[in-house]
N, C-alpha and C. Protein backbone atom coordinates (compact mmCIF):
# COMPACT_ATOMS: atom_id res chain seq x y z
N ASP A 1 -11.03 26.68 1.44
CA ASP A 1 -12.22 26.03 2.90
C ASP A 1 -13.17 27.48 2.95
N ARG A 2 -12.49 28.52 3.18
CA ARG A 2 -13.42 29.87 3.87
C ARG A 2 -14.44 30.09 2.70
N SER A 3 -13.85 29.87 1.24
CA SER A 3 -14.56 30.83 0.60
C SER A 3 -16.14 29.74 -0.26
N PHE A 4 -15.60 28.06 0.03
CA PHE A 4 -16.52 27.79 -0.65
C PHE A 4 -16.90 26.08 0.13
N ALA A 5 -17.96 25.94 0.19
CA ALA A 5 -18.45 24.38 0.79
C ALA A 5 -18.64 23.83 0.18
N ARG A 6 -18.85 21.98 0.31
CA ARG A 6 -19.15 21.01 -0.66
C ARG A 6 -20.77 20.65 0.25
N PHE A 7 -21.37 20.86 -0.93
CA PHE A 7 -22.83 20.27 -1.05
C PHE A 7 -23.21 19.39 -2.07
N ASN A 8 -24.41 18.47 -1.56
CA ASN A 8 -24.87 17.48 -2.61
C ASN A 8 -26.16 18.35 -3.51
N LEU A 9 -26.51 18.18 -4.86
CA LEU A 9 -27.81 18.54 -5.48
C LEU A 9 -27.84 16.87 -5.75
N TYR A 10 -29.05 16.97 -5.47
CA TYR A 10 -30.16 15.33 -5.44
C TYR A 10 -31.03 15.23 -6.83
N PHE A 11 -30.34 14.39 -7.90
CA PHE A 11 -31.28 14.28 -8.68
C PHE A 11 -31.87 12.83 -9.07
N TYR A 12 -32.90 12.35 -9.23
CA TYR A 12 -33.46 11.15 -9.73
C TYR A 12 -32.63 10.07 -10.30
N ASP A 13 -32.41 8.50 -10.47
CA ASP A 13 -32.08 7.84 -11.04
C ASP A 13 -33.04 8.04 -11.91
N GLN A 14 -32.77 7.14 -12.99
CA GLN A 14 -33.25 7.03 -14.39
C GLN A 14 -35.18 6.08 -14.17
N THR A 15 -35.02 5.20 -12.76
CA THR A 15 -36.42 4.34 -12.28
C THR A 15 -37.21 5.56 -11.93
N GLY A 16 -36.49 6.44 -11.42
CA GLY A 16 -37.37 7.38 -10.51
C GLY A 16 -37.21 7.34 -9.10
N ARG A 17 -36.84 5.81 -8.70
CA ARG A 17 -36.70 5.56 -7.40
C ARG A 17 -35.90 5.66 -6.03
N VAL A 18 -34.58 6.86 -7.02
CA VAL A 18 -33.82 6.80 -6.06
C VAL A 18 -33.52 8.25 -6.19
N LEU A 19 -32.90 8.78 -5.25
CA LEU A 19 -31.88 10.28 -5.38
C LEU A 19 -30.55 10.13 -5.48
N LEU A 20 -29.90 10.64 -5.97
CA LEU A 20 -28.60 10.27 -6.13
C LEU A 20 -28.35 11.90 -6.03
N PRO A 21 -26.76 11.69 -5.03
CA PRO A 21 -26.06 13.07 -4.84
C PRO A 21 -25.16 13.39 -6.17
N ASP A 22 -25.05 14.72 -6.42
CA ASP A 22 -24.44 15.46 -7.21
C ASP A 22 -23.45 16.09 -6.44
N PRO A 23 -22.15 15.97 -6.17
CA PRO A 23 -21.13 16.92 -5.27
C PRO A 23 -21.17 17.92 -6.19
N VAL A 24 -21.28 19.36 -5.38
CA VAL A 24 -20.98 20.39 -5.96
C VAL A 24 -20.14 21.24 -4.76
N PHE A 25 -19.34 21.94 -5.15
CA PHE A 25 -18.53 23.18 -4.29
C PHE A 25 -19.41 24.56 -4.80
N ILE A 26 -20.11 25.27 -4.00
CA ILE A 26 -20.45 26.82 -3.78
C ILE A 26 -20.03 27.53 -3.21
N PRO A 27 -20.16 29.23 -3.28
CA PRO A 27 -19.61 30.02 -2.59
C PRO A 27 -20.23 29.96 -1.24
N ARG A 28 -19.65 30.20 0.01
CA ARG A 28 -20.25 30.45 1.18
C ARG A 28 -20.79 31.60 1.80
N GLY A 29 -22.42 31.53 2.40
CA GLY A 29 -22.76 33.07 2.35
C GLY A 29 -23.98 32.66 2.61
N GLU A 30 -25.26 33.75 2.62
CA GLU A 30 -26.22 33.91 2.67
C GLU A 30 -27.03 33.60 1.28
N GLN A 31 -26.32 33.16 0.75
CA GLN A 31 -26.82 32.56 -1.08
C GLN A 31 -26.51 31.57 -1.05
N THR A 32 -26.36 30.55 0.19
CA THR A 32 -26.45 28.94 0.06
C THR A 32 -28.00 28.40 -0.59
N ALA A 33 -29.07 28.06 -0.38
CA ALA A 33 -30.06 28.10 -0.91
C ALA A 33 -30.16 28.23 -2.06
N THR A 34 -30.19 29.58 -2.17
CA THR A 34 -30.49 30.01 -4.11
C THR A 34 -29.16 29.39 -4.59
N ASN A 35 -28.22 29.31 -4.38
CA ASN A 35 -27.24 28.77 -5.54
C ASN A 35 -27.79 27.34 -5.45
N LEU A 36 -27.97 26.35 -4.38
CA LEU A 36 -28.18 25.21 -4.63
C LEU A 36 -29.70 24.87 -5.79
N VAL A 37 -30.50 26.04 -5.36
CA VAL A 37 -31.80 25.75 -6.30
C VAL A 37 -31.42 26.09 -7.87
N ARG A 38 -30.20 27.26 -7.91
CA ARG A 38 -29.95 27.35 -9.57
C ARG A 38 -29.26 25.85 -9.62
N GLY A 39 -28.05 25.12 -9.04
CA GLY A 39 -27.55 24.14 -9.38
C GLY A 39 -28.42 23.12 -9.71
N LEU A 40 -30.10 22.76 -8.77
CA LEU A 40 -30.83 22.02 -9.41
C LEU A 40 -31.43 22.22 -10.92
N LEU A 41 -31.96 23.40 -11.22
CA LEU A 41 -32.55 23.97 -12.31
C LEU A 41 -31.76 23.68 -13.25
N ALA A 42 -30.36 24.03 -13.20
CA ALA A 42 -29.35 23.93 -13.98
C ALA A 42 -29.23 22.13 -14.86
N GLY A 43 -29.44 21.57 -13.89
CA GLY A 43 -29.62 20.00 -14.24
C GLY A 43 -28.43 19.46 -13.71
N PRO A 44 -28.27 18.23 -14.08
CA PRO A 44 -27.42 16.98 -12.95
C PRO A 44 -25.79 17.59 -13.86
N GLY A 45 -24.51 17.08 -13.56
CA GLY A 45 -23.61 17.39 -14.06
C GLY A 45 -22.80 16.30 -14.85
N SER A 46 -22.20 16.07 -15.63
CA SER A 46 -21.37 15.40 -16.71
C SER A 46 -21.75 14.02 -15.99
N ALA A 47 -21.32 13.86 -14.77
CA ALA A 47 -20.77 12.76 -14.32
C ALA A 47 -22.26 11.93 -14.05
N LEU A 48 -23.21 12.55 -14.31
CA LEU A 48 -24.54 11.65 -13.58
C LEU A 48 -25.63 12.12 -14.57
N SER A 49 -25.29 12.99 -15.90
CA SER A 49 -26.33 13.03 -16.98
C SER A 49 -26.94 11.81 -17.56
N GLU A 50 -26.04 10.96 -17.85
CA GLU A 50 -26.62 10.20 -18.61
C GLU A 50 -27.36 9.05 -17.83
N ILE A 51 -27.52 9.05 -16.18
CA ILE A 51 -27.82 8.24 -15.32
C ILE A 51 -28.95 8.95 -14.31
N SER A 52 -29.42 10.06 -14.91
CA SER A 52 -30.15 10.79 -13.65
C SER A 52 -30.99 11.98 -14.80
N ARG A 53 -32.07 12.08 -13.86
CA ARG A 53 -32.77 13.39 -13.94
C ARG A 53 -33.79 14.24 -12.89
N SER A 54 -34.25 15.04 -13.53
CA SER A 54 -34.85 15.79 -12.42
C SER A 54 -36.35 16.25 -12.34
N ALA A 55 -36.89 16.27 -11.33
CA ALA A 55 -38.60 16.24 -11.05
C ALA A 55 -38.45 17.63 -11.57
N LEU A 56 -38.10 18.45 -11.51
CA LEU A 56 -38.60 20.14 -11.80
C LEU A 56 -38.81 19.95 -13.45
N PRO A 57 -40.20 20.43 -13.89
CA PRO A 57 -40.38 20.61 -15.13
C PRO A 57 -38.90 21.52 -16.10
N SER A 58 -38.85 21.12 -17.44
CA SER A 58 -37.60 21.92 -18.08
C SER A 58 -38.09 23.48 -17.81
N ARG A 59 -37.37 24.07 -18.43
CA ARG A 59 -37.61 25.92 -18.77
C ARG A 59 -37.65 26.35 -17.30
N THR A 60 -38.21 25.83 -15.97
CA THR A 60 -38.16 26.24 -14.78
C THR A 60 -37.51 27.40 -14.19
N ASP A 61 -37.64 28.10 -14.12
CA ASP A 61 -36.41 29.52 -13.52
C ASP A 61 -36.34 29.73 -12.29
N LEU A 62 -35.46 30.36 -11.67
CA LEU A 62 -35.97 30.78 -10.19
C LEU A 62 -36.00 32.17 -10.13
N ASP A 63 -37.04 33.17 -9.21
CA ASP A 63 -37.33 34.13 -9.73
C ASP A 63 -36.45 34.71 -8.74
N LEU A 64 -35.79 35.46 -8.63
CA LEU A 64 -34.88 36.29 -8.17
C LEU A 64 -33.98 35.17 -6.77
N SER A 65 -34.44 35.10 -5.57
CA SER A 65 -33.48 34.51 -4.92
C SER A 65 -34.57 33.42 -3.47
N VAL A 66 -33.93 32.46 -3.40
CA VAL A 66 -34.99 31.75 -2.15
C VAL A 66 -34.96 32.47 -1.14
N VAL A 67 -35.96 32.52 -0.27
CA VAL A 67 -35.83 33.70 0.85
C VAL A 67 -36.15 32.58 1.97
N VAL A 68 -35.06 32.39 3.13
CA VAL A 68 -35.47 31.47 4.15
C VAL A 68 -36.29 32.25 5.33
N THR A 69 -37.48 31.94 6.13
CA THR A 69 -37.82 32.77 6.94
C THR A 69 -37.20 32.47 8.15
N GLU A 70 -37.45 33.06 9.40
CA GLU A 70 -37.53 33.34 10.77
C GLU A 70 -38.12 31.52 11.02
N SER A 71 -38.67 31.03 10.68
CA SER A 71 -39.72 29.72 11.20
C SER A 71 -38.90 28.87 10.47
N GLY A 72 -37.82 29.03 9.46
CA GLY A 72 -37.49 28.06 9.36
C GLY A 72 -37.73 27.33 7.74
N VAL A 73 -38.93 28.19 6.84
CA VAL A 73 -39.05 28.13 5.42
C VAL A 73 -38.38 28.57 4.71
N ALA A 74 -37.74 27.59 3.58
CA ALA A 74 -37.28 27.95 2.30
C ALA A 74 -38.17 28.56 1.20
N GLU A 75 -38.58 29.68 0.98
CA GLU A 75 -39.41 29.81 0.05
C GLU A 75 -38.64 30.06 -1.40
N VAL A 76 -39.25 29.10 -2.37
CA VAL A 76 -38.82 28.85 -3.81
C VAL A 76 -39.55 29.67 -4.62
N PRO A 77 -39.15 30.28 -5.03
CA PRO A 77 -39.61 31.11 -5.85
C PRO A 77 -39.53 30.80 -7.09
N LEU A 78 -40.45 30.18 -7.92
CA LEU A 78 -40.06 29.26 -9.54
C LEU A 78 -40.98 30.11 -10.28
N SER A 79 -40.38 29.90 -11.76
CA SER A 79 -41.60 30.46 -12.70
C SER A 79 -42.81 29.85 -13.10
N ARG A 80 -43.33 30.15 -13.62
CA ARG A 80 -44.71 29.31 -13.83
C ARG A 80 -44.90 27.99 -14.61
N ASP A 81 -43.77 27.65 -15.27
CA ASP A 81 -43.33 26.37 -15.94
C ASP A 81 -43.56 25.56 -14.72
N VAL A 82 -43.04 25.68 -13.52
CA VAL A 82 -43.26 24.91 -12.45
C VAL A 82 -45.03 24.15 -12.53
N LEU A 83 -46.00 25.21 -13.18
CA LEU A 83 -47.38 24.85 -12.69
C LEU A 83 -47.78 23.93 -13.95
N ARG A 84 -46.90 23.42 -14.93
CA ARG A 84 -47.26 22.56 -15.94
C ARG A 84 -47.28 21.11 -15.04
N ALA A 85 -46.34 20.91 -13.78
CA ALA A 85 -46.43 19.47 -13.39
C ALA A 85 -47.81 19.61 -12.58
N THR A 86 -47.71 17.73 -12.86
CA THR A 86 -48.74 17.19 -12.32
C THR A 86 -48.48 17.21 -10.99
N PRO A 87 -50.24 17.00 -10.26
CA PRO A 87 -49.46 16.86 -8.18
C PRO A 87 -48.19 15.56 -8.11
N ALA A 88 -48.37 14.35 -9.08
CA ALA A 88 -47.75 13.50 -8.52
C ALA A 88 -46.01 14.06 -8.74
N GLU A 89 -46.21 14.75 -9.93
CA GLU A 89 -44.46 15.33 -10.60
C GLU A 89 -44.09 16.87 -9.31
N LEU A 90 -45.26 16.84 -9.14
CA LEU A 90 -45.18 18.15 -8.02
C LEU A 90 -44.56 17.58 -6.44
N SER A 91 -44.92 16.89 -6.31
CA SER A 91 -44.49 16.53 -5.21
C SER A 91 -43.02 16.05 -5.26
N ARG A 92 -43.06 14.77 -6.11
CA ARG A 92 -41.31 14.80 -6.38
C ARG A 92 -40.28 15.99 -6.55
N ALA A 93 -40.66 16.73 -7.02
CA ALA A 93 -39.84 18.26 -7.43
C ALA A 93 -39.62 18.50 -6.05
N VAL A 94 -40.53 18.47 -4.96
CA VAL A 94 -40.38 18.96 -3.40
C VAL A 94 -39.73 17.98 -3.00
N ASP A 95 -39.89 17.12 -2.75
CA ASP A 95 -39.15 15.93 -2.57
C ASP A 95 -37.14 16.33 -3.17
N GLN A 96 -37.06 16.38 -4.12
CA GLN A 96 -35.64 16.69 -4.84
C GLN A 96 -35.51 17.77 -3.78
N LEU A 97 -35.99 19.04 -3.72
CA LEU A 97 -36.01 20.54 -3.36
C LEU A 97 -35.54 20.35 -1.58
N ALA A 98 -36.45 19.50 -1.47
CA ALA A 98 -36.01 18.94 0.03
C ALA A 98 -34.57 18.42 0.89
N TRP A 99 -34.65 17.19 -0.34
CA TRP A 99 -33.41 16.40 -0.10
C TRP A 99 -32.14 17.67 0.28
N THR A 100 -32.20 18.45 -1.15
CA THR A 100 -31.28 19.43 -1.55
C THR A 100 -30.84 20.55 -0.40
N LEU A 101 -31.88 21.19 0.27
CA LEU A 101 -32.00 21.90 0.56
C LEU A 101 -31.82 21.78 2.48
N ARG A 102 -31.80 20.67 2.88
CA ARG A 102 -32.14 20.08 3.86
C ARG A 102 -30.40 20.24 4.50
N GLN A 103 -29.57 20.51 3.45
CA GLN A 103 -28.00 20.51 3.94
C GLN A 103 -27.86 21.97 4.18
N VAL A 104 -28.57 22.88 4.07
CA VAL A 104 -28.98 24.26 4.39
C VAL A 104 -29.23 24.33 6.36
N PRO A 105 -28.08 24.60 7.02
CA PRO A 105 -28.12 25.13 8.56
C PRO A 105 -29.51 26.17 8.50
N GLY A 106 -30.81 25.93 9.64
CA GLY A 106 -31.75 26.72 9.79
C GLY A 106 -33.15 26.35 8.57
N ILE A 107 -32.90 26.00 7.64
CA ILE A 107 -33.97 25.27 7.06
C ILE A 107 -34.58 23.90 7.39
N GLU A 108 -35.75 23.98 7.62
CA GLU A 108 -36.95 22.95 8.12
C GLU A 108 -37.69 22.72 7.27
N ARG A 109 -38.36 23.67 6.17
CA ARG A 109 -39.65 23.26 5.46
C ARG A 109 -39.48 23.92 3.98
N VAL A 110 -40.25 23.44 3.38
CA VAL A 110 -39.61 24.12 1.48
C VAL A 110 -41.18 24.54 0.91
N ARG A 111 -41.16 25.18 0.75
CA ARG A 111 -42.31 26.01 -0.12
C ARG A 111 -42.11 26.55 -1.68
N ILE A 112 -42.66 26.06 -2.41
CA ILE A 112 -42.61 26.75 -3.79
C ILE A 112 -43.68 27.58 -4.30
N THR A 113 -43.14 28.69 -4.70
CA THR A 113 -44.07 30.12 -4.92
C THR A 113 -44.25 30.24 -6.44
N VAL A 114 -45.33 30.49 -6.63
CA VAL A 114 -45.32 31.31 -8.63
C VAL A 114 -45.70 32.97 -7.99
N GLY A 115 -44.95 33.67 -8.16
CA GLY A 115 -45.56 35.32 -8.26
C GLY A 115 -46.18 35.50 -7.15
N GLU A 116 -45.35 35.00 -6.04
CA GLU A 116 -45.55 35.35 -4.39
C GLU A 116 -46.62 34.25 -3.76
N ALA A 117 -47.14 33.40 -4.25
CA ALA A 117 -48.62 32.59 -3.94
C ALA A 117 -47.76 31.60 -3.90
N PRO A 118 -48.29 30.68 -2.86
CA PRO A 118 -47.51 29.36 -2.50
C PRO A 118 -48.33 28.38 -3.67
N VAL A 119 -47.94 27.55 -4.51
CA VAL A 119 -48.42 26.70 -4.78
C VAL A 119 -48.46 25.21 -4.24
N PRO A 120 -49.75 24.67 -4.12
CA PRO A 120 -50.52 23.77 -3.50
C PRO A 120 -49.91 22.42 -3.74
N LEU A 121 -49.76 21.95 -2.76
CA LEU A 121 -49.15 20.59 -2.77
C LEU A 121 -50.29 19.41 -2.45
N SER A 122 -50.28 18.10 -2.92
CA SER A 122 -51.21 17.15 -2.33
C SER A 122 -51.65 17.29 -0.82
N GLY A 123 -52.88 17.07 -1.07
CA GLY A 123 -53.42 16.84 0.34
C GLY A 123 -53.74 18.40 1.18
N GLY A 124 -53.92 19.48 -0.10
CA GLY A 124 -53.81 20.96 0.69
C GLY A 124 -52.33 21.28 1.28
N ARG A 125 -51.61 21.31 1.47
CA ARG A 125 -50.47 21.42 1.91
C ARG A 125 -49.71 22.48 1.09
N ILE A 126 -49.32 23.33 1.86
CA ILE A 126 -48.37 24.78 0.93
C ILE A 126 -46.79 24.65 1.09
N ASP A 127 -46.64 23.63 1.88
CA ASP A 127 -45.16 23.07 1.85
C ASP A 127 -44.76 22.05 2.59
N ALA A 128 -43.47 21.52 2.47
CA ALA A 128 -43.12 19.69 3.20
C ALA A 128 -41.87 20.12 4.04
N PRO A 129 -41.55 19.32 4.95
CA PRO A 129 -40.89 19.11 5.88
C PRO A 129 -39.49 18.76 4.92
N VAL A 130 -38.13 19.18 5.31
CA VAL A 130 -36.73 18.50 4.63
C VAL A 130 -36.74 16.99 4.77
N THR A 131 -37.57 16.60 5.59
CA THR A 131 -37.14 14.97 6.01
C THR A 131 -38.07 14.23 5.04
N SER A 132 -38.80 14.85 4.26
CA SER A 132 -39.67 14.20 3.37
C SER A 132 -38.63 13.57 2.47
N GLY A 133 -39.41 12.08 1.32
CA GLY A 133 -38.92 11.94 0.72
C GLY A 133 -37.73 10.47 1.24
N THR A 134 -37.78 10.10 2.20
CA THR A 134 -37.45 8.81 2.76
C THR A 134 -37.15 7.95 1.98
N GLU A 135 -38.71 7.78 0.95
CA GLU A 135 -38.56 6.51 0.56
C GLU A 135 -37.25 6.29 -1.00
N PHE A 136 -36.90 7.60 -1.11
CA PHE A 136 -36.06 7.76 -2.08
C PHE A 136 -34.64 7.40 -1.80
N ASP A 137 -33.86 7.25 -0.62
CA ASP A 137 -32.87 6.71 -0.01
C ASP A 137 -32.84 5.89 -0.48
N ALA A 138 -31.15 5.80 -1.75
CA ALA A 138 -30.74 4.74 -2.07
C ALA A 138 -30.16 3.61 -1.07
N ALA A 139 -30.30 3.84 0.32
CA ALA A 139 -29.66 3.10 0.99
C ALA A 139 -31.02 2.27 1.65
N GLY A 140 -32.05 2.63 1.07
CA GLY A 140 -33.48 2.05 1.84
C GLY A 140 -33.99 2.35 2.89
N PRO A 141 -35.07 1.82 3.76
CA PRO A 141 -35.59 2.66 4.84
C PRO A 141 -34.55 2.43 6.36
N GLN A 142 -33.84 1.75 6.19
CA GLN A 142 -33.32 1.65 7.72
C GLN A 142 -31.46 1.70 7.07
N GLY A 143 -31.50 2.00 6.08
CA GLY A 143 -29.81 1.74 5.56
C GLY A 143 -29.28 0.86 5.84
N ALA A 144 -28.14 0.77 4.07
CA ALA A 144 -27.63 -0.41 4.42
C ALA A 144 -26.59 -0.56 4.93
N VAL A 145 -26.19 -1.65 5.72
CA VAL A 145 -24.47 -2.11 6.31
C VAL A 145 -23.57 -1.59 5.36
N LEU A 146 -23.60 -2.55 4.26
CA LEU A 146 -22.49 -2.15 3.39
C LEU A 146 -22.73 -2.54 2.19
N TRP A 147 -22.26 -1.93 0.87
CA TRP A 147 -22.77 -1.32 -0.57
C TRP A 147 -21.55 -2.27 -0.81
N GLY A 148 -21.43 -3.41 -1.96
CA GLY A 148 -20.53 -3.81 -2.82
C GLY A 148 -20.58 -4.54 -4.05
N ILE A 149 -19.25 -4.94 -4.85
CA ILE A 149 -20.29 -5.33 -6.00
C ILE A 149 -19.60 -6.62 -6.05
N ARG A 150 -20.97 -7.67 -6.57
CA ARG A 150 -20.77 -8.89 -6.45
C ARG A 150 -21.71 -9.19 -7.48
N GLY A 151 -21.19 -10.37 -8.63
CA GLY A 151 -21.45 -10.34 -9.94
C GLY A 151 -21.67 -9.50 -10.96
N GLY A 152 -20.97 -8.67 -10.84
CA GLY A 152 -21.13 -7.48 -11.24
C GLY A 152 -22.64 -6.61 -11.30
N ARG A 153 -22.67 -6.16 -10.04
CA ARG A 153 -23.78 -5.49 -9.83
C ARG A 153 -23.74 -5.04 -8.46
N VAL A 154 -24.05 -3.83 -8.09
CA VAL A 154 -24.18 -2.90 -6.73
C VAL A 154 -25.32 -4.36 -6.04
N THR A 155 -24.50 -4.41 -5.08
CA THR A 155 -25.54 -5.09 -4.11
C THR A 155 -25.62 -4.94 -2.56
N ASP A 156 -26.49 -5.30 -1.60
CA ASP A 156 -26.44 -4.67 -0.46
C ASP A 156 -25.87 -5.95 0.51
N LEU A 157 -24.92 -5.74 1.05
CA LEU A 157 -23.58 -6.56 1.59
C LEU A 157 -24.58 -7.45 2.65
N GLY A 158 -25.29 -6.20 3.22
CA GLY A 158 -25.64 -6.42 4.54
C GLY A 158 -26.55 -7.27 4.88
N THR A 159 -27.05 -8.05 3.88
CA THR A 159 -28.10 -9.03 3.38
C THR A 159 -27.23 -10.51 3.52
N THR A 160 -27.80 -11.51 4.06
CA THR A 160 -27.39 -12.31 3.40
C THR A 160 -27.50 -13.09 2.01
N ALA A 161 -28.57 -12.53 1.17
CA ALA A 161 -28.22 -12.61 -0.03
C ALA A 161 -27.69 -12.07 -1.20
N GLY A 162 -26.93 -10.98 -0.59
CA GLY A 162 -26.39 -9.82 -1.42
C GLY A 162 -27.24 -9.48 -2.15
N THR A 163 -28.70 -8.78 -2.13
CA THR A 163 -29.65 -7.99 -2.64
C THR A 163 -29.16 -6.95 -3.69
N PRO A 164 -29.49 -7.30 -4.97
CA PRO A 164 -28.91 -6.27 -5.82
C PRO A 164 -29.60 -4.72 -5.99
N THR A 165 -29.10 -3.47 -5.61
CA THR A 165 -29.77 -2.32 -5.81
C THR A 165 -31.00 -2.16 -6.63
N THR A 166 -31.60 -1.60 -7.21
CA THR A 166 -32.99 -1.04 -7.84
C THR A 166 -32.05 -0.07 -8.57
N GLY A 167 -32.63 -0.16 -9.92
CA GLY A 167 -32.31 0.59 -11.35
C GLY A 167 -30.95 -0.08 -12.01
N PRO A 168 -30.38 0.88 -12.50
CA PRO A 168 -28.89 0.22 -13.60
C PRO A 168 -28.39 -0.23 -12.93
N LEU A 169 -27.79 0.58 -11.36
CA LEU A 169 -26.42 -0.18 -11.40
C LEU A 169 -26.69 -1.62 -10.42
N GLY A 170 -27.77 -1.92 -10.21
CA GLY A 170 -28.50 -3.74 -9.97
C GLY A 170 -28.69 -4.57 -10.65
N ARG A 171 -27.97 -4.10 -12.09
CA ARG A 171 -28.23 -4.95 -13.39
C ARG A 171 -26.61 -5.40 -13.62
N ALA A 172 -26.63 -6.73 -14.25
CA ALA A 172 -25.17 -7.45 -14.38
C ALA A 172 -24.93 -6.26 -15.51
N GLY A 173 -23.53 -6.10 -15.55
CA GLY A 173 -23.10 -5.64 -16.92
C GLY A 173 -22.69 -4.23 -17.11
N TYR A 174 -23.43 -3.12 -15.63
CA TYR A 174 -23.85 -1.92 -16.22
C TYR A 174 -22.74 -1.46 -16.01
């Protein structure tokens, strides 16, 4: 407990509609944000590898380490490979980073940089709040009351109809 802490790396499901947590244990300390980003770049663990994917372009590397400014901005220095992403893909990558880095106390915003220059996001922004990407919450915008298995599918038991979740877990027989 003194040396390691539990965090989640977040990866998209195969449909790209939901961010799934991949629990990891990383060393405590000043390198928490850096270790989380390195974990994202390495991809999902074996438990999620067949049902999830990353929005970060393949072969993207972390240059040195993540720096957290006094104003709470996590500056994530990535290799030029991230520039291959379309604006929509880049937005999804920022949401994935935001979901993962929001667990680190003191981080309020996420900024991707390449060669020390901020990578522009949609709408002319250069960073995004760690609260972005709420539409990718598996529990939905209001959160599910209770999840369960009904008819071989993961369903939201908080609805009277027991609405199946989106993606492969909402299909019978998965």
